[in-house]
C-alpha atoms as a PDB file:
ATOM      1  CA  MET A   1     -15.585  11.739   0.601  1.00  0.00           C
ATOM      2  CA  ARG A   2     -15.236  12.793   4.231  1.00  0.00           C
ATOM      3  CA  GLU A   3     -12.331  14.556   5.856  1.00  0.00           C
ATOM      4  CA  ILE A   4     -10.267  12.728   8.437  1.00  0.00           C
ATOM      5  CA  GLY A   5      -8.855  14.657  11.389  1.00  0.00           C
ATOM      6  CA  SER A   6      -7.467  17.983  10.223  1.00  0.00           C
ATOM      7  CA  GLY A   7      -8.505  17.299   6.625  1.00  0.00           C
ATOM      8  CA  ASN A   8      -5.140  16.195   5.238  1.00  0.00           C
ATOM      9  CA  VAL A   9      -6.666  12.829   4.306  1.00  0.00           C
ATOM     10  CA  LEU A  10     -10.030  11.996   2.736  1.00  0.00           C
ATOM     11  CA  LEU A  11     -11.898   8.712   3.083  1.00  0.00           C
ATOM     12  CA  SER A  12     -14.796   7.142   1.225  1.00  0.00           C
ATOM     13  CA  ILE A  13     -16.236   3.628   1.414  1.00  0.00           C
ATOM     14  CA  GLU A  14     -18.354   2.200  -1.390  1.00  0.00           C
ATOM     15  CA  ASN A  15     -19.204  -1.342  -2.460  1.00  0.00           C
ATOM     16  CA  HIS A  16     -16.675  -2.974  -0.095  1.00  0.00           C
ATOM     17  CA  ARG A  17     -13.854  -0.680  -1.347  1.00  0.00           C
ATOM     18  CA  ALA A  18     -12.263   2.065   0.731  1.00  0.00           C
ATOM     19  CA  ASP A  19     -10.510   4.991  -0.965  1.00  0.00           C
ATOM     20  CA  VAL A  20      -7.914   6.713   1.227  1.00  0.00           C
ATOM     21  CA  VAL A  21      -6.771   9.972  -0.373  1.00  0.00           C
ATOM     22  CA  LEU A  22      -3.832  12.185   0.617  1.00  0.00           C
ATOM     23  CA  ASN A  23      -5.252  15.702   0.562  1.00  0.00           C
ATOM     24  CA  ARG A  24      -2.590  18.421   0.350  1.00  0.00           C
ATOM     25  CA  PRO A  25      -2.675  19.034  -3.415  1.00  0.00           C
ATOM     26  CA  GLU A  26      -1.300  22.567  -3.014  1.00  0.00           C
ATOM     27  CA  ARG A  27       1.888  20.912  -1.641  1.00  0.00           C
ATOM     28  CA  ARG A  28       1.812  17.980  -4.073  1.00  0.00           C
ATOM     29  CA  ASN A  29       0.518  15.928  -1.127  1.00  0.00           C
ATOM     30  CA  ALA A  30       3.870  16.180   0.644  1.00  0.00           C
ATOM     31  CA  MET A  31       3.730  14.438   3.999  1.00  0.00           C
ATOM     32  CA  ASN A  32       3.944  16.399   7.227  1.00  0.00           C
ATOM     33  CA  GLN A  33       3.129  15.226  10.715  1.00  0.00           C
ATOM     34  CA  PRO A  34      -0.574  16.246  10.599  1.00  0.00           C
ATOM     35  CA  LEU A  35      -1.014  14.322   7.345  1.00  0.00           C
ATOM     36  CA  LEU A  36       0.719  11.249   8.771  1.00  0.00           C
ATOM     37  CA  ARG A  37      -1.514  11.337  11.830  1.00  0.00           C
ATOM     38  CA  ASP A  38      -4.645  11.698   9.692  1.00  0.00           C
ATOM     39  CA  LEU A  39      -3.447   8.864   7.481  1.00  0.00           C
ATOM     40  CA  ARG A  40      -2.979   6.565  10.465  1.00  0.00           C
ATOM     41  CA  THR A  41      -6.505   7.408  11.647  1.00  0.00           C
ATOM     42  CA  ALA A  42      -7.934   6.691   8.191  1.00  0.00           C
ATOM     43  CA  LEU A  43      -6.162   3.331   7.965  1.00  0.00           C
ATOM     44  CA  GLU A  44      -7.381   2.329  11.413  1.00  0.00           C
ATOM     45  CA  THR A  45     -10.930   3.286  10.424  1.00  0.00           C
ATOM     46  CA  VAL A  46     -10.725   1.187   7.266  1.00  0.00           C
ATOM     47  CA  ASP A  47      -9.243  -1.842   8.985  1.00  0.00           C
ATOM     48  CA  ALA A  48     -11.910  -1.787  11.690  1.00  0.00           C
ATOM     49  CA  ASN A  49     -14.753  -1.762   9.152  1.00  0.00           C
ATOM     50  CA  ASP A  50     -15.748  -5.366   8.435  1.00  0.00           C
ATOM     51  CA  ASP A  51     -17.612  -4.249   5.313  1.00  0.00           C
ATOM     52  CA  VAL A  52     -14.362  -3.186   3.614  1.00  0.00           C
ATOM     53  CA  ARG A  53     -12.592  -5.869   1.595  1.00  0.00           C
ATOM     54  CA  ALA A  54      -9.961  -3.860  -0.306  1.00  0.00           C
ATOM     55  CA  MET A  55      -8.417  -0.393  -0.210  1.00  0.00           C
ATOM     56  CA  SER A  56      -6.994   2.043  -2.726  1.00  0.00           C
ATOM     57  CA  LEU A  57      -4.405   4.613  -1.632  1.00  0.00           C
ATOM     58  CA  LEU A  58      -4.566   7.757  -3.766  1.00  0.00           C
ATOM     59  CA  GLY A  59      -3.444  11.382  -3.919  1.00  0.00           C
ATOM     60  CA  GLU A  60      -5.693  14.382  -4.548  1.00  0.00           C
ATOM     61  CA  GLY A  61      -4.727  16.353  -7.656  1.00  0.00           C
ATOM     62  CA  ASP A  62      -2.307  15.225 -10.337  1.00  0.00           C
ATOM     63  CA  VAL A  63       0.511  13.953  -8.059  1.00  0.00           C
ATOM     64  CA  PHE A  64       0.318  11.052  -5.618  1.00  0.00           C
ATOM     65  CA  CYS A  65       2.953  12.337  -3.194  1.00  0.00           C
ATOM     66  CA  ALA A  66       6.180  14.334  -3.524  1.00  0.00           C
ATOM     67  CA  GLY A  67       7.666  12.802  -0.366  1.00  0.00           C
ATOM     68  CA  MET A  68       8.217  14.547   2.939  1.00  0.00           C
ATOM     69  CA  ASP A  69       7.351  18.215   3.376  1.00  0.00           C
ATOM     70  CA  LEU A  70      10.519  20.301   2.965  1.00  0.00           C
ATOM     71  CA  GLU A  71       9.695  22.654   5.834  1.00  0.00           C
ATOM     72  CA  MET A  72       9.229  19.670   8.104  1.00  0.00           C
ATOM     73  CA  MET A  73      12.500  18.143   6.948  1.00  0.00           C
ATOM     74  CA  LYS A  74      14.296  21.405   7.723  1.00  0.00           C
ATOM     75  CA  ARG A  75      12.999  21.244  11.312  1.00  0.00           C
ATOM     76  CA  ARG A  76      14.200  17.663  11.528  1.00  0.00           C
ATOM     77  CA  GLY A  77      17.766  18.923  11.746  1.00  0.00           C
ATOM     78  CA  GLU A  78      16.934  21.569  14.333  1.00  0.00           C
ATOM     79  CA  GLU A  79      14.877  19.651  16.894  1.00  0.00           C
ATOM     80  CA  GLU A  80      16.312  17.098  19.284  1.00  0.00           C
ATOM     81  CA  GLU A  81      13.128  15.047  19.322  1.00  0.00           C
ATOM     82  CA  PHE A  82      11.559  14.432  15.950  1.00  0.00           C
ATOM     83  CA  GLU A  83       8.935  11.739  15.543  1.00  0.00           C
ATOM     84  CA  LEU A  84       8.915  11.544  11.743  1.00  0.00           C
ATOM     85  CA  GLU A  85      10.606   8.149  11.451  1.00  0.00           C
ATOM     86  CA  THR A  86       8.441   6.629  14.164  1.00  0.00           C
ATOM     87  CA  GLU A  87       5.210   7.890  12.597  1.00  0.00           C
ATOM     88  CA  LEU A  88       6.083   6.650   9.100  1.00  0.00           C
ATOM     89  CA  ASP A  89       7.282   3.316  10.491  1.00  0.00           C
ATOM     90  CA  ASP A  90       4.047   2.901  12.433  1.00  0.00           C
ATOM     91  CA  ILE A  91       2.014   3.503   9.284  1.00  0.00           C
ATOM     92  CA  THR A  92       3.981   1.099   7.084  1.00  0.00           C
ATOM     93  CA  HIS A  93       3.837  -1.606   9.754  1.00  0.00           C
ATOM     94  CA  PHE A  94       0.109  -1.023  10.060  1.00  0.00           C
ATOM     95  CA  ILE A  95      -0.335  -1.475   6.293  1.00  0.00           C
ATOM     96  CA  ASP A  96       1.692  -4.691   6.556  1.00  0.00           C
ATOM     97  CA  ASP A  97      -0.682  -6.023   9.212  1.00  0.00           C
ATOM     98  CA  MET A  98      -4.007  -4.917   7.732  1.00  0.00           C
ATOM     99  CA  ARG A  99      -6.475  -7.716   7.104  1.00  0.00           C
ATOM    100  CA  ILE A 100      -7.342  -6.424   3.602  1.00  0.00           C
ATOM    101  CA  PRO A 101      -5.303  -6.077   0.392  1.00  0.00           C
ATOM    102  CA  SER A 102      -4.395  -2.620  -0.877  1.00  0.00           C
ATOM    103  CA  VAL A 103      -3.620  -0.886  -4.178  1.00  0.00           C
ATOM    104  CA  ALA A 104      -1.617   2.337  -4.594  1.00  0.00           C
ATOM    105  CA  SER A 105      -1.989   4.793  -7.475  1.00  0.00           C
ATOM    106  CA  ILE A 106       1.402   6.341  -8.337  1.00  0.00           C
ATOM    107  CA  LYS A 107       0.517   9.254 -10.581  1.00  0.00           C
ATOM    108  CA  GLY A 108       3.037  11.989 -11.249  1.00  0.00           C
ATOM    109  CA  ALA A 109       5.438  11.235  -8.410  1.00  0.00           C
ATOM    110  CA  ALA A 110       6.159   8.989  -5.456  1.00  0.00           C
ATOM    111  CA  ILE A 111       9.639   9.796  -4.252  1.00  0.00           C
ATOM    112  CA  ALA A 112      11.709   9.341  -1.090  1.00  0.00           C
ATOM    113  CA  GLY A 113       9.300   8.908   1.842  1.00  0.00           C
ATOM    114  CA  ALA A 114       6.345   8.413  -0.509  1.00  0.00           C
ATOM    115  CA  PHE A 115       8.218   5.588  -2.234  1.00  0.00           C
ATOM    116  CA  GLU A 116       8.704   3.955   1.168  1.00  0.00           C
ATOM    117  CA  LEU A 117       5.115   4.595   2.254  1.00  0.00           C
ATOM    118  CA  ILE A 118       3.737   2.358  -0.484  1.00  0.00           C
ATOM    119  CA  LEU A 119       6.287  -0.464  -0.306  1.00  0.00           C
ATOM    120  CA  PRO A 120       4.025  -2.524   2.007  1.00  0.00           C
ATOM    121  CA  VAL A 121       1.020  -1.889  -0.262  1.00  0.00           C
ATOM    122  CA  ASP A 122       0.168  -5.096  -2.119  1.00  0.00           C
ATOM    123  CA  PHE A 123      -0.263  -3.694  -5.641  1.00  0.00           C
ATOM    124  CA  ARG A 124       1.141  -0.546  -7.232  1.00  0.00           C
ATOM    125  CA  ILE A 125      -0.266   1.094 -10.390  1.00  0.00           C
ATOM    126  CA  ILE A 126       1.937   3.798 -11.954  1.00  0.00           C
ATOM    127  CA  SER A 127       1.579   6.448 -14.650  1.00  0.00           C
ATOM    128  CA  GLU A 128       4.222   6.216 -17.348  1.00  0.00           C
ATOM    129  CA  ASP A 129       5.445   9.762 -16.617  1.00  0.00           C
ATOM    130  CA  ALA A 130       5.860   9.272 -12.867  1.00  0.00           C
ATOM    131  CA  LYS A 131       9.000  10.222 -10.943  1.00  0.00           C
ATOM    132  CA  TYR A 132       9.520   7.124  -8.795  1.00  0.00           C
ATOM    133  CA  GLY A 133      12.487   6.364  -6.586  1.00  0.00           C
ATOM    134  CA  VAL A 134      14.373   6.642  -3.310  1.00  0.00           C
ATOM    135  CA  VAL A 135      16.515   9.759  -3.752  1.00  0.00           C
ATOM    136  CA  GLU A 136      17.682  10.297  -0.159  1.00  0.00           C
ATOM    137  CA  VAL A 137      21.395   9.784  -0.854  1.00  0.00           C
ATOM    138  CA  GLU A 138      21.237  12.889  -3.052  1.00  0.00           C
ATOM    139  CA  LEU A 139      19.812  14.847  -0.099  1.00  0.00           C
ATOM    140  CA  GLY A 140      22.455  14.009   2.498  1.00  0.00           C
ATOM    141  CA  LEU A 141      20.324  11.179   3.904  1.00  0.00           C
ATOM    142  CA  PHE A 142      19.583   7.552   3.237  1.00  0.00           C
ATOM    143  CA  PRO A 143      16.136   5.918   2.984  1.00  0.00           C
ATOM    144  CA  SER A 144      15.410   5.074   6.610  1.00  0.00           C
ATOM    145  CA  GLY A 145      11.658   4.551   6.217  1.00  0.00           C
ATOM    146  CA  GLY A 146      11.869   0.885   5.293  1.00  0.00           C
ATOM    147  CA  ALA A 147      13.380   0.812   1.796  1.00  0.00           C
ATOM    148  CA  THR A 148      16.637  -0.895   2.786  1.00  0.00           C
ATOM    149  CA  GLN A 149      14.629  -3.777   4.270  1.00  0.00           C
ATOM    150  CA  ARG A 150      11.477  -4.073   2.175  1.00  0.00           C
ATOM    151  CA  LEU A 151      12.975  -3.305  -1.230  1.00  0.00           C
ATOM    152  CA  PRO A 152      15.412  -6.282  -1.309  1.00  0.00           C
ATOM    153  CA  ARG A 153      12.524  -8.568  -0.400  1.00  0.00           C
ATOM    154  CA  LEU A 154      10.504  -7.230  -3.325  1.00  0.00           C
ATOM    155  CA  ILE A 155      13.072  -6.978  -6.125  1.00  0.00           C
ATOM    156  CA  GLY A 156      16.273  -8.636  -4.876  1.00  0.00           C
ATOM    157  CA  LEU A 157      19.388  -7.261  -3.221  1.00  0.00           C
ATOM    158  CA  SER A 158      21.285  -6.233  -6.361  1.00  0.00           C
ATOM    159  CA  LYS A 159      18.473  -4.122  -7.832  1.00  0.00           C
ATOM    160  CA  ALA A 160      17.701  -2.650  -4.411  1.00  0.00           C
ATOM    161  CA  LYS A 161      21.332  -1.523  -4.066  1.00  0.00           C
ATOM    162  CA  GLU A 162      21.125   0.113  -7.470  1.00  0.00           C
ATOM    163  CA  LEU A 163      18.099   2.180  -6.469  1.00  0.00           C
ATOM    164  CA  VAL A 164      19.182   3.045  -2.925  1.00  0.00           C
ATOM    165  CA  LEU A 165      22.851   3.860  -3.583  1.00  0.00           C
ATOM    166  CA  THR A 166      22.464   5.762  -6.853  1.00  0.00           C
ATOM    167  CA  GLY A 167      19.375   7.721  -5.836  1.00  0.00           C
ATOM    168  CA  ASP A 168      18.190   7.485  -9.448  1.00  0.00           C
ATOM    169  CA  TYR A 169      14.548   7.375 -10.446  1.00  0.00           C
ATOM    170  CA  ILE A 170      13.411   4.049 -11.855  1.00  0.00           C
ATOM    171  CA  ASP A 171      11.637   4.089 -15.203  1.00  0.00           C
ATOM    172  CA  PRO A 172       8.035   2.837 -14.760  1.00  0.00           C
ATOM    173  CA  THR A 173       8.477   0.190 -17.447  1.00  0.00           C
ATOM    174  CA  GLU A 174      11.608  -1.086 -15.702  1.00  0.00           C
ATOM    175  CA  ALA A 175       9.757  -0.986 -12.384  1.00  0.00           C
ATOM    176  CA  LYS A 176       7.144  -3.309 -13.858  1.00  0.00           C
ATOM    177  CA  ARG A 177       9.770  -5.590 -15.353  1.00  0.00           C
ATOM    178  CA  CYS A 178      11.438  -6.127 -11.977  1.00  0.00           C
ATOM    179  CA  GLY A 179       8.157  -6.591 -10.122  1.00  0.00           C
ATOM    180  CA  LEU A 180       8.129  -3.314  -8.226  1.00  0.00           C
ATOM    181  CA  VAL A 181       4.871  -2.169  -9.858  1.00  0.00           C
ATOM    182  CA  HIS A 182       2.073  -4.203 -11.396  1.00  0.00           C
ATOM    183  CA  GLU A 183       0.730  -2.000 -14.197  1.00  0.00           C
ATOM    184  CA  VAL A 184       1.894   1.053 -16.135  1.00  0.00           C
ATOM    185  CA  VAL A 185      -0.867   3.453 -17.251  1.00  0.00           C
ATOM    186  CA  SER A 186      -0.251   5.702 -20.253  1.00  0.00           C
ATOM    187  CA  ASP A 187      -2.472   8.580 -19.114  1.00  0.00           C
ATOM    188  CA  ARG A 188      -1.819  10.040 -15.660  1.00  0.00           C
ATOM    189  CA  ALA A 189      -5.483  10.996 -15.385  1.00  0.00           C
ATOM    190  CA  ASP A 190      -6.487   7.313 -15.575  1.00  0.00           C
ATOM    191  CA  THR A 191      -4.137   6.002 -12.891  1.00  0.00           C
ATOM    192  CA  ASP A 192      -6.478   6.475  -9.926  1.00  0.00           C
ATOM    193  CA  GLU A 193      -9.326   4.795 -11.778  1.00  0.00           C
ATOM    194  CA  ARG A 194      -7.184   1.775 -12.615  1.00  0.00           C
ATOM    195  CA  ALA A 195      -6.189   1.465  -8.944  1.00  0.00           C
ATOM    196  CA  ARG A 196      -9.867   1.560  -7.969  1.00  0.00           C
ATOM    197  CA  GLU A 197     -10.646  -1.086 -10.586  1.00  0.00           C
ATOM    198  CA  TRP A 198      -7.923  -3.331  -9.169  1.00  0.00           C
ATOM    199  CA  ALA A 199      -9.355  -2.855  -5.672  1.00  0.00           C
ATOM    200  CA  ASP A 200     -12.894  -3.528  -6.931  1.00  0.00           C
ATOM    201  CA  SER A 201     -11.774  -6.820  -8.473  1.00  0.00           C
ATOM    202  CA  LEU A 202     -10.248  -7.851  -5.149  1.00  0.00           C
ATOM    203  CA  THR A 203     -13.521  -7.204  -3.312  1.00  0.00           C
ATOM    204  CA  GLU A 204     -15.124 -10.010  -5.336  1.00  0.00           C
ATOM    205  CA  ASN A 205     -12.916 -12.617  -3.671  1.00  0.00           C
ATOM    206  CA  ALA A 206     -13.508 -14.399  -0.365  1.00  0.00           C
ATOM    207  CA  PRO A 207     -12.400 -11.967   2.376  1.00  0.00           C
ATOM    208  CA  LEU A 208     -10.985 -14.587   4.745  1.00  0.00           C
ATOM    209  CA  GLY A 209      -9.114 -16.334   1.935  1.00  0.00           C
ATOM    210  CA  MET A 210      -7.422 -13.044   1.012  1.00  0.00           C
ATOM    211  CA  GLU A 211      -6.710 -12.213   4.654  1.00  0.00           C
ATOM    212  CA  TYR A 212      -5.058 -15.568   5.346  1.00  0.00           C
ATOM    213  CA  GLY A 213      -3.224 -15.557   2.018  1.00  0.00           C
ATOM    214  CA  ARG A 214      -1.858 -12.063   2.653  1.00  0.00           C
ATOM    215  CA  GLN A 215      -0.813 -13.039   6.170  1.00  0.00           C
ATOM    216  CA  MET A 216       1.105 -16.072   4.933  1.00  0.00           C
ATOM    217  CA  LEU A 217       2.752 -14.301   2.007  1.00  0.00           C
ATOM    218  CA  ASN A 218       3.921 -11.366   4.142  1.00  0.00           C
ATOM    219  CA  SER A 219       5.604 -13.722   6.598  1.00  0.00           C
ATOM    220  CA  ALA A 220       6.982 -16.189   4.045  1.00  0.00           C
ATOM    221  CA  LEU A 221      10.537 -14.856   3.812  1.00  0.00           C
ATOM    222  CA  GLU A 222      11.015 -14.734   7.593  1.00  0.00           C
ATOM    223  CA  THR A 223       9.353 -18.078   8.440  1.00  0.00           C
ATOM    224  CA  PRO A 224      11.123 -21.461   8.247  1.00  0.00           C
ATOM    225  CA  LEU A 225       9.607 -23.510   5.431  1.00  0.00           C
ATOM    226  CA  ASP A 226       8.292 -26.365   7.593  1.00  0.00           C
ATOM    227  CA  GLN A 227       6.691 -23.930  10.036  1.00  0.00           C
ATOM    228  CA  GLY A 228       5.136 -21.930   7.215  1.00  0.00           C
ATOM    229  CA  LEU A 229       3.722 -25.021   5.518  1.00  0.00           C
ATOM    230  CA  GLU A 230       2.184 -26.227   8.772  1.00  0.00           C
ATOM    231  CA  LEU A 231       0.500 -22.869   9.393  1.00  0.00           C
ATOM    232  CA  GLU A 232      -0.679 -22.828   5.786  1.00  0.00           C
ATOM    233  CA  ARG A 233      -2.356 -26.218   6.269  1.00  0.00           C
ATOM    234  CA  GLU A 234      -3.863 -25.097   9.566  1.00  0.00           C
ATOM    235  CA  LEU A 235      -5.411 -21.982   8.040  1.00  0.00           C
ATOM    236  CA  GLY A 236      -6.599 -23.983   5.040  1.00  0.00           C
ATOM    237  CA  ARG A 237      -8.422 -26.411   7.325  1.00  0.00           C
ATOM    238  CA  LYS A 238      -9.901 -23.469   9.220  1.00  0.00           C
ATOM    239  CA  LEU A 239     -11.382 -22.036   6.020  1.00  0.00           C
ATOM    240  CA  THR A 240     -13.218 -25.273   5.202  1.00  0.00           C
ATOM    241  CA  ASP A 241     -15.419 -24.621   8.250  1.00  0.00           C
ATOM    242  CA  THR A 242     -16.579 -21.192   7.020  1.00  0.00           C
ATOM    243  CA  ASP A 243     -19.847 -20.177   5.387  1.00  0.00           C
ATOM    244  CA  ASP A 244     -17.899 -18.717   2.446  1.00  0.00           C
ATOM    245  CA  TYR A 245     -16.381 -22.130   1.681  1.00  0.00           C
ATOM    246  CA  THR A 246     -19.843 -23.683   1.537  1.00  0.00           C
ATOM    247  CA  GLU A 247     -21.218 -20.735  -0.453  1.00  0.00           C
ATOM    248  CA  ASP A 248     -18.532 -21.051  -3.128  1.00  0.00           C
ATOM    249  CA  PHE A 249     -19.217 -24.677  -3.936  1.00  0.00           C
ATOM    250  CA  THR A 250     -22.984 -24.199  -3.673  1.00  0.00           C
ATOM    251  CA  ALA A 251     -22.798 -21.296  -6.130  1.00  0.00           C
ATOM    252  CA  ARG A 252     -20.661 -23.257  -8.565  1.00  0.00           C
ATOM    253  CA  LEU A 253     -23.127 -26.165  -8.549  1.00  0.00           C
ATOM    254  CA  GLU A 254     -26.010 -23.737  -9.079  1.00  0.00           C
ATOM    255  CA  GLY A 255     -24.240 -21.913 -11.907  1.00  0.00           C
ATOM    256  CA  ARG A 256     -24.096 -18.483 -10.224  1.00  0.00           C
ATOM    257  CA  ASP A 257     -21.467 -16.182  -8.768  1.00  0.00           C
ATOM    258  CA  PRO A 258     -20.781 -16.713  -5.052  1.00  0.00           C
ATOM    259  CA  GLU A 259     -21.874 -14.076  -2.556  1.00  0.00           C
ATOM    260  CA  PHE A 260     -19.153 -14.058   0.078  1.00  0.00           C
ATOM    261  CA  GLN A 261     -19.867 -12.675   3.553  1.00  0.00           C
ATOM    262  CA  GLY A 262     -16.438 -12.972   5.176  1.00  0.00           C
ATOM    263  CA  SER A 263     -17.626 -15.609   7.640  1.00  0.00           C
END
């Protein structure tokens, strides 16, 4: 692991998987502006590395992230110019646009801003004891970091209203049932490892196929059907000219696993 920026985020890259780790365990990895800036730097580093094919997003210690730092939130009401919303928005948009798939480990807690941080992540693994929800309406706020827009697209408008307007935590089992998370882990200590295992499995797939598939899926709800289908066909034709396409069918005929290069 190496420190990024001021050390609020750690990064390691191994076997085509990048681990990005929030690193303020003494504050339950609560997000302040230095952490958000380090996180953006880490994500940019990962996305620029052609050797990386999948990413896990983790938290140091036994909690993923308790949301925004309370001292920072207090200043939010005192300063005329406060860049919190812009910085979080920039990060979530960046995750949306990354070329690689991502997996988040929700151990212990992911509330308020942390809940919104991982909405654009492709897969979410949660511990069965995790506090998970958008609680801003109980704090005199509302979730303005993307939840009112991304959450209905993930789980439907009715369920999104329930979470946003009540401010209640969602039970991890219910979160899986409605498609908000993808796996519930019984032991909090195993949650990070399961997220890494998910990311490792993704690295075995053809990088360009995942990149194009992610691009099309993320734009599906905003793109007219005919336009989306045409772009899908165009990208599909483009992939047939790649070395990975040839490698896959060669490997199958030879009875071995393909060795994709992302080209």
